[in-house]
Amino acid sequence: MFQENKYIVNDKYKILDHIGEGGVSIVYRALDLESDKEVAIKFLKQKYTSSYVEDLIRFMKEVELL
C-alpha cells in the first residue's frame, strides 16, 4: 500500500488517502497537482498485474471502460 500523503503518481497526482477496495482494484483519493482538484485514482491490485486478459477486462468493466 502507498504511504498516503507522501506518494506522487506520474508527477501529477499526490495520494491523499485510501478510499476503498473493489474486486480487482484499490481506490485512493488524490490531488491533481496541475488543476489543484481532488480526484479518485484506481489501481489494479498487484496480484492482477500479470498479462491475463480476463483480469484486464474485469478491471476495465469495474472502472466502466467497457
PDB file of N, CA and C in Angstrom:
ATOM      1  N   MET A   1       0.844  -1.184   0.000  1.00  0.00           N
ATOM      2  CA  MET A   1       0.000   0.000   0.000  1.00  0.00           C
ATOM      3  C   MET A   1       0.886   1.243   0.000  1.00  0.00           C
ATOM      4  N   PHE A   2       0.397   2.296  -0.585  1.00  0.00           N
ATOM      5  CA  PHE A   2       1.142   3.544  -0.640  1.00  0.00           C
ATOM      6  C   PHE A   2       1.174   4.212   0.721  1.00  0.00           C
ATOM      7  N   GLN A   3       2.195   4.996   0.949  1.00  0.00           N
ATOM      8  CA  GLN A   3       2.213   5.856   2.125  1.00  0.00           C
ATOM      9  C   GLN A   3       1.434   7.104   1.755  1.00  0.00           C
ATOM     10  N   GLU A   4       0.216   7.193   2.260  1.00  0.00           N
ATOM     11  CA  GLU A   4      -0.635   8.322   1.912  1.00  0.00           C
ATOM     12  C   GLU A   4       0.049   9.642   2.203  1.00  0.00           C
ATOM     13  N   ASN A   5      -0.242  10.627   1.378  1.00  0.00           N
ATOM     14  CA  ASN A   5       0.251  11.998   1.515  1.00  0.00           C
ATOM     15  C   ASN A   5       1.755  12.122   1.273  1.00  0.00           C
ATOM     16  N   LYS A   6       2.396  11.042   0.798  1.00  0.00           N
ATOM     17  CA  LYS A   6       3.829  11.095   0.521  1.00  0.00           C
ATOM     18  C   LYS A   6       4.144  10.564  -0.868  1.00  0.00           C
ATOM     19  N   TYR A   7       3.175  10.058  -1.570  1.00  0.00           N
ATOM     20  CA  TYR A   7       3.429   9.391  -2.833  1.00  0.00           C
ATOM     21  C   TYR A   7       2.873  10.212  -3.991  1.00  0.00           C
ATOM     22  N   ILE A   8       3.691  10.456  -5.012  1.00  0.00           N
ATOM     23  CA  ILE A   8       3.284  11.191  -6.198  1.00  0.00           C
ATOM     24  C   ILE A   8       3.231  10.208  -7.365  1.00  0.00           C
ATOM     25  N   VAL A   9       2.141  10.218  -8.116  1.00  0.00           N
ATOM     26  CA  VAL A   9       1.954   9.319  -9.251  1.00  0.00           C
ATOM     27  C   VAL A   9       2.139  10.109 -10.539  1.00  0.00           C
ATOM     28  N   ASN A  10       3.029   9.633 -11.403  1.00  0.00           N
ATOM     29  CA  ASN A  10       3.281  10.249 -12.712  1.00  0.00           C
ATOM     30  C   ASN A  10       3.552  11.749 -12.636  1.00  0.00           C
ATOM     31  N   ASP A  11       4.167  12.193 -11.560  1.00  0.00           N
ATOM     32  CA  ASP A  11       4.480  13.617 -11.356  1.00  0.00           C
ATOM     33  C   ASP A  11       3.246  14.507 -11.457  1.00  0.00           C
ATOM     34  N   LYS A  12       2.060  13.940 -11.270  1.00  0.00           N
ATOM     35  CA  LYS A  12       0.833  14.716 -11.429  1.00  0.00           C
ATOM     36  C   LYS A  12      -0.141  14.580 -10.271  1.00  0.00           C
ATOM     37  N   TYR A  13      -0.197  13.421  -9.624  1.00  0.00           N
ATOM     38  CA  TYR A  13      -1.196  13.183  -8.585  1.00  0.00           C
ATOM     39  C   TYR A  13      -0.518  12.868  -7.257  1.00  0.00           C
ATOM     40  N   LYS A  14      -0.957  13.548  -6.215  1.00  0.00           N
ATOM     41  CA  LYS A  14      -0.459  13.286  -4.865  1.00  0.00           C
ATOM     42  C   LYS A  14      -1.504  12.469  -4.121  1.00  0.00           C
ATOM     43  N   ILE A  15      -1.142  11.269  -3.697  1.00  0.00           N
ATOM     44  CA  ILE A  15      -2.065  10.402  -2.964  1.00  0.00           C
ATOM     45  C   ILE A  15      -2.350  11.030  -1.599  1.00  0.00           C
ATOM     46  N   LEU A  16      -3.635  11.204  -1.288  1.00  0.00           N
ATOM     47  CA  LEU A  16      -4.035  11.797  -0.012  1.00  0.00           C
ATOM     48  C   LEU A  16      -4.456  10.736   0.997  1.00  0.00           C
ATOM     49  N   ASP A  17      -5.310   9.795   0.577  1.00  0.00           N
ATOM     50  CA  ASP A  17      -5.678   8.706   1.475  1.00  0.00           C
ATOM     51  C   ASP A  17      -6.363   7.587   0.712  1.00  0.00           C
ATOM     52  N   HIS A  18      -6.497   6.475   1.382  1.00  0.00           N
ATOM     53  CA  HIS A  18      -7.110   5.263   0.842  1.00  0.00           C
ATOM     54  C   HIS A  18      -8.622   5.385   0.973  1.00  0.00           C
ATOM     55  N   ILE A  19      -9.342   5.165  -0.128  1.00  0.00           N
ATOM     56  CA  ILE A  19     -10.803   5.248  -0.098  1.00  0.00           C
ATOM     57  C   ILE A  19     -11.419   3.873   0.127  1.00  0.00           C
ATOM     58  N   GLY A  20     -10.971   2.887  -0.643  1.00  0.00           N
ATOM     59  CA  GLY A  20     -11.552   1.557  -0.518  1.00  0.00           C
ATOM     60  C   GLY A  20     -10.967   0.600  -1.536  1.00  0.00           C
ATOM     61  N   GLU A  21     -11.570  -0.595  -1.581  1.00  0.00           N
ATOM     62  CA  GLU A  21     -11.100  -1.623  -2.499  1.00  0.00           C
ATOM     63  C   GLU A  21     -12.277  -2.282  -3.187  1.00  0.00           C
ATOM     64  N   GLY A  22     -12.048  -2.663  -4.438  1.00  0.00           N
ATOM     65  CA  GLY A  22     -13.025  -3.424  -5.196  1.00  0.00           C
ATOM     66  C   GLY A  22     -12.498  -4.828  -5.399  1.00  0.00           C
ATOM     67  N   GLY A  23     -13.118  -5.551  -6.304  1.00  0.00           N
ATOM     68  CA  GLY A  23     -12.703  -6.920  -6.557  1.00  0.00           C
ATOM     69  C   GLY A  23     -11.299  -7.044  -7.086  1.00  0.00           C
ATOM     70  N   VAL A  24     -10.899  -6.138  -7.948  1.00  0.00           N
ATOM     71  CA  VAL A  24      -9.578  -6.226  -8.559  1.00  0.00           C
ATOM     72  C   VAL A  24      -8.762  -4.954  -8.398  1.00  0.00           C
ATOM     73  N   SER A  25      -9.268  -3.981  -7.650  1.00  0.00           N
ATOM     74  CA  SER A  25      -8.549  -2.710  -7.583  1.00  0.00           C
ATOM     75  C   SER A  25      -8.603  -2.075  -6.198  1.00  0.00           C
ATOM     76  N   ILE A  26      -7.740  -1.077  -6.023  1.00  0.00           N
ATOM     77  CA  ILE A  26      -7.679  -0.274  -4.806  1.00  0.00           C
ATOM     78  C   ILE A  26      -7.897   1.175  -5.226  1.00  0.00           C
ATOM     79  N   VAL A  27      -8.705   1.910  -4.463  1.00  0.00           N
ATOM     80  CA  VAL A  27      -9.047   3.284  -4.832  1.00  0.00           C
ATOM     81  C   VAL A  27      -8.459   4.248  -3.799  1.00  0.00           C
ATOM     82  N   TYR A  28      -7.843   5.314  -4.319  1.00  0.00           N
ATOM     83  CA  TYR A  28      -7.249   6.343  -3.475  1.00  0.00           C
ATOM     84  C   TYR A  28      -7.827   7.705  -3.818  1.00  0.00           C
ATOM     85  N   ARG A  29      -7.905   8.563  -2.834  1.00  0.00           N
ATOM     86  CA  ARG A  29      -8.218   9.979  -3.052  1.00  0.00           C
ATOM     87  C   ARG A  29      -6.887  10.661  -3.292  1.00  0.00           C
ATOM     88  N   ALA A  30      -6.841  11.497  -4.321  1.00  0.00           N
ATOM     89  CA  ALA A  30      -5.584  12.150  -4.674  1.00  0.00           C
ATOM     90  C   ALA A  30      -5.836  13.590  -5.062  1.00  0.00           C
ATOM     91  N   LEU A  31      -4.765  14.357  -5.102  1.00  0.00           N
ATOM     92  CA  LEU A  31      -4.822  15.747  -5.531  1.00  0.00           C
ATOM     93  C   LEU A  31      -4.138  15.845  -6.883  1.00  0.00           C
ATOM     94  N   ASP A  32      -4.859  16.384  -7.879  1.00  0.00           N
ATOM     95  CA  ASP A  32      -4.272  16.658  -9.187  1.00  0.00           C
ATOM     96  C   ASP A  32      -3.420  17.909  -9.013  1.00  0.00           C
ATOM     97  N   LEU A  33      -2.116  17.768  -9.122  1.00  0.00           N
ATOM     98  CA  LEU A  33      -1.203  18.879  -8.844  1.00  0.00           C
ATOM     99  C   LEU A  33      -1.266  19.966  -9.897  1.00  0.00           C
ATOM    100  N   GLU A  34      -1.784  19.655 -11.084  1.00  0.00           N
ATOM    101  CA  GLU A  34      -1.904  20.673 -12.134  1.00  0.00           C
ATOM    102  C   GLU A  34      -3.151  21.530 -11.969  1.00  0.00           C
ATOM    103  N   SER A  35      -4.269  20.886 -11.623  1.00  0.00           N
ATOM    104  CA  SER A  35      -5.528  21.631 -11.510  1.00  0.00           C
ATOM    105  C   SER A  35      -5.907  21.961 -10.072  1.00  0.00           C
ATOM    106  N   ASP A  36      -5.187  21.365  -9.103  1.00  0.00           N
ATOM    107  CA  ASP A  36      -5.464  21.543  -7.672  1.00  0.00           C
ATOM    108  C   ASP A  36      -6.851  21.024  -7.296  1.00  0.00           C
ATOM    109  N   LYS A  37      -7.333  20.006  -8.022  1.00  0.00           N
ATOM    110  CA  LYS A  37      -8.631  19.390  -7.723  1.00  0.00           C
ATOM    111  C   LYS A  37      -8.416  17.994  -7.169  1.00  0.00           C
ATOM    112  N   GLU A  38      -9.342  17.566  -6.300  1.00  0.00           N
ATOM    113  CA  GLU A  38      -9.285  16.204  -5.788  1.00  0.00           C
ATOM    114  C   GLU A  38      -9.870  15.251  -6.812  1.00  0.00           C
ATOM    115  N   VAL A  39      -9.235  14.089  -6.938  1.00  0.00           N
ATOM    116  CA  VAL A  39      -9.671  13.066  -7.875  1.00  0.00           C
ATOM    117  C   VAL A  39      -9.591  11.707  -7.182  1.00  0.00           C
ATOM    118  N   ALA A  40     -10.204  10.722  -7.785  1.00  0.00           N
ATOM    119  CA  ALA A  40     -10.069   9.342  -7.324  1.00  0.00           C
ATOM    120  C   ALA A  40      -9.185   8.617  -8.333  1.00  0.00           C
ATOM    121  N   ILE A  41      -8.257   7.827  -7.811  1.00  0.00           N
ATOM    122  CA  ILE A  41      -7.369   7.039  -8.663  1.00  0.00           C
ATOM    123  C   ILE A  41      -7.565   5.582  -8.297  1.00  0.00           C
ATOM    124  N   LYS A  42      -7.740   4.772  -9.310  1.00  0.00           N
ATOM    125  CA  LYS A  42      -7.985   3.354  -9.114  1.00  0.00           C
ATOM    126  C   LYS A  42      -6.808   2.576  -9.684  1.00  0.00           C
ATOM    127  N   PHE A  43      -6.206   1.731  -8.857  1.00  0.00           N
ATOM    128  CA  PHE A  43      -5.068   0.912  -9.258  1.00  0.00           C
ATOM    129  C   PHE A  43      -5.452  -0.557  -9.262  1.00  0.00           C
ATOM    130  N   LEU A  44      -4.992  -1.265 -10.245  1.00  0.00           N
ATOM    131  CA  LEU A  44      -5.167  -2.707 -10.307  1.00  0.00           C
ATOM    132  C   LEU A  44      -4.343  -3.332  -9.189  1.00  0.00           C
ATOM    133  N   LYS A  45      -4.942  -4.260  -8.429  1.00  0.00           N
ATOM    134  CA  LYS A  45      -4.216  -4.936  -7.354  1.00  0.00           C
ATOM    135  C   LYS A  45      -3.023  -5.683  -7.942  1.00  0.00           C
ATOM    136  N   GLN A  46      -1.962  -5.768  -7.164  1.00  0.00           N
ATOM    137  CA  GLN A  46      -0.712  -6.348  -7.648  1.00  0.00           C
ATOM    138  C   GLN A  46      -0.892  -7.774  -8.155  1.00  0.00           C
ATOM    139  N   LYS A  47      -1.744  -8.557  -7.519  1.00  0.00           N
ATOM    140  CA  LYS A  47      -1.894  -9.943  -7.960  1.00  0.00           C
ATOM    141  C   LYS A  47      -2.566 -10.041  -9.336  1.00  0.00           C
ATOM    142  N   TYR A  48      -3.126  -8.940  -9.826  1.00  0.00           N
ATOM    143  CA  TYR A  48      -3.760  -8.927 -11.142  1.00  0.00           C
ATOM    144  C   TYR A  48      -2.940  -8.180 -12.187  1.00  0.00           C
ATOM    145  N   THR A  49      -1.707  -7.856 -11.900  1.00  0.00           N
ATOM    146  CA  THR A  49      -0.916  -7.066 -12.836  1.00  0.00           C
ATOM    147  C   THR A  49      -0.207  -7.904 -13.892  1.00  0.00           C
ATOM    148  N   SER A  50      -0.496  -9.183 -13.934  1.00  0.00           N
ATOM    149  CA  SER A  50       0.071 -10.010 -14.992  1.00  0.00           C
ATOM    150  C   SER A  50      -0.654  -9.687 -16.297  1.00  0.00           C
ATOM    151  N   SER A  51      -0.275 -10.337 -17.340  1.00  0.00           N
ATOM    152  CA  SER A  51      -0.858 -10.010 -18.647  1.00  0.00           C
ATOM    153  C   SER A  51      -2.115 -10.822 -18.961  1.00  0.00           C
ATOM    154  N   TYR A  52      -2.796 -11.296 -17.959  1.00  0.00           N
ATOM    155  CA  TYR A  52      -4.001 -12.090 -18.197  1.00  0.00           C
ATOM    156  C   TYR A  52      -5.131 -11.190 -18.707  1.00  0.00           C
ATOM    157  N   VAL A  53      -5.651 -11.518 -19.841  1.00  0.00           N
ATOM    158  CA  VAL A  53      -6.680 -10.720 -20.496  1.00  0.00           C
ATOM    159  C   VAL A  53      -7.951 -10.653 -19.658  1.00  0.00           C
ATOM    160  N   GLU A  54      -8.343 -11.752 -19.039  1.00  0.00           N
ATOM    161  CA  GLU A  54      -9.573 -11.774 -18.229  1.00  0.00           C
ATOM    162  C   GLU A  54      -9.498 -10.756 -17.091  1.00  0.00           C
ATOM    163  N   ASP A  55      -8.354 -10.674 -16.416  1.00  0.00           N
ATOM    164  CA  ASP A  55      -8.196  -9.729 -15.307  1.00  0.00           C
ATOM    165  C   ASP A  55      -8.273  -8.297 -15.805  1.00  0.00           C
ATOM    166  N   LEU A  56      -7.676  -8.018 -16.945  1.00  0.00           N
ATOM    167  CA  LEU A  56      -7.724  -6.673 -17.513  1.00  0.00           C
ATOM    168  C   LEU A  56      -9.148  -6.295 -17.897  1.00  0.00           C
ATOM    169  N   ILE A  57      -9.870  -7.209 -18.503  1.00  0.00           N
ATOM    170  CA  ILE A  57     -11.265  -6.948 -18.880  1.00  0.00           C
ATOM    171  C   ILE A  57     -12.110  -6.696 -17.635  1.00  0.00           C
ATOM    172  N   ARG A  58     -11.905  -7.487 -16.589  1.00  0.00           N
ATOM    173  CA  ARG A  58     -12.657  -7.313 -15.343  1.00  0.00           C
ATOM    174  C   ARG A  58     -12.379  -5.939 -14.737  1.00  0.00           C
ATOM    175  N   PHE A  59     -11.107  -5.539 -14.733  1.00  0.00           N
ATOM    176  CA  PHE A  59     -10.739  -4.216 -14.213  1.00  0.00           C
ATOM    177  C   PHE A  59     -11.383  -3.117 -15.047  1.00  0.00           C
ATOM    178  N   MET A  60     -11.321  -3.244 -16.357  1.00  0.00           N
ATOM    179  CA  MET A  60     -11.896  -2.214 -17.226  1.00  0.00           C
ATOM    180  C   MET A  60     -13.410  -2.097 -17.032  1.00  0.00           C
ATOM    181  N   LYS A  61     -14.071  -3.217 -16.790  1.00  0.00           N
ATOM    182  CA  LYS A  61     -15.514  -3.168 -16.514  1.00  0.00           C
ATOM    183  C   LYS A  61     -15.762  -2.479 -15.185  1.00  0.00           C
ATOM    184  N   GLU A  62     -14.897  -2.743 -14.203  1.00  0.00           N
ATOM    185  CA  GLU A  62     -15.066  -2.140 -12.896  1.00  0.00           C
ATOM    186  C   GLU A  62     -14.931  -0.615 -12.962  1.00  0.00           C
ATOM    187  N   VAL A  63     -14.059  -0.110 -13.814  1.00  0.00           N
ATOM    188  CA  VAL A  63     -13.891   1.339 -13.944  1.00  0.00           C
ATOM    189  C   VAL A  63     -14.740   1.901 -15.087  1.00  0.00           C
ATOM    190  N   GLU A  64     -15.617   1.056 -15.584  1.00  0.00           N
ATOM    191  CA  GLU A  64     -16.603   1.433 -16.605  1.00  0.00           C
ATOM    192  C   GLU A  64     -15.977   1.889 -17.926  1.00  0.00           C
ATOM    193  N   LEU A  65     -14.898   1.220 -18.326  1.00  0.00           N
ATOM    194  CA  LEU A  65     -14.296   1.500 -19.625  1.00  0.00           C
ATOM    195  C   LEU A  65     -14.841   0.572 -20.706  1.00  0.00           C
ATOM    196  N   LEU A  66     -15.546  -0.467 -20.305  1.00  0.00           N
ATOM    197  CA  LEU A  66     -16.162  -1.394 -21.266  1.00  0.00           C
ATOM    198  C   LEU A  66     -17.660  -1.423 -21.056  1.00  0.00           C
TER     199      LEU A  66
END
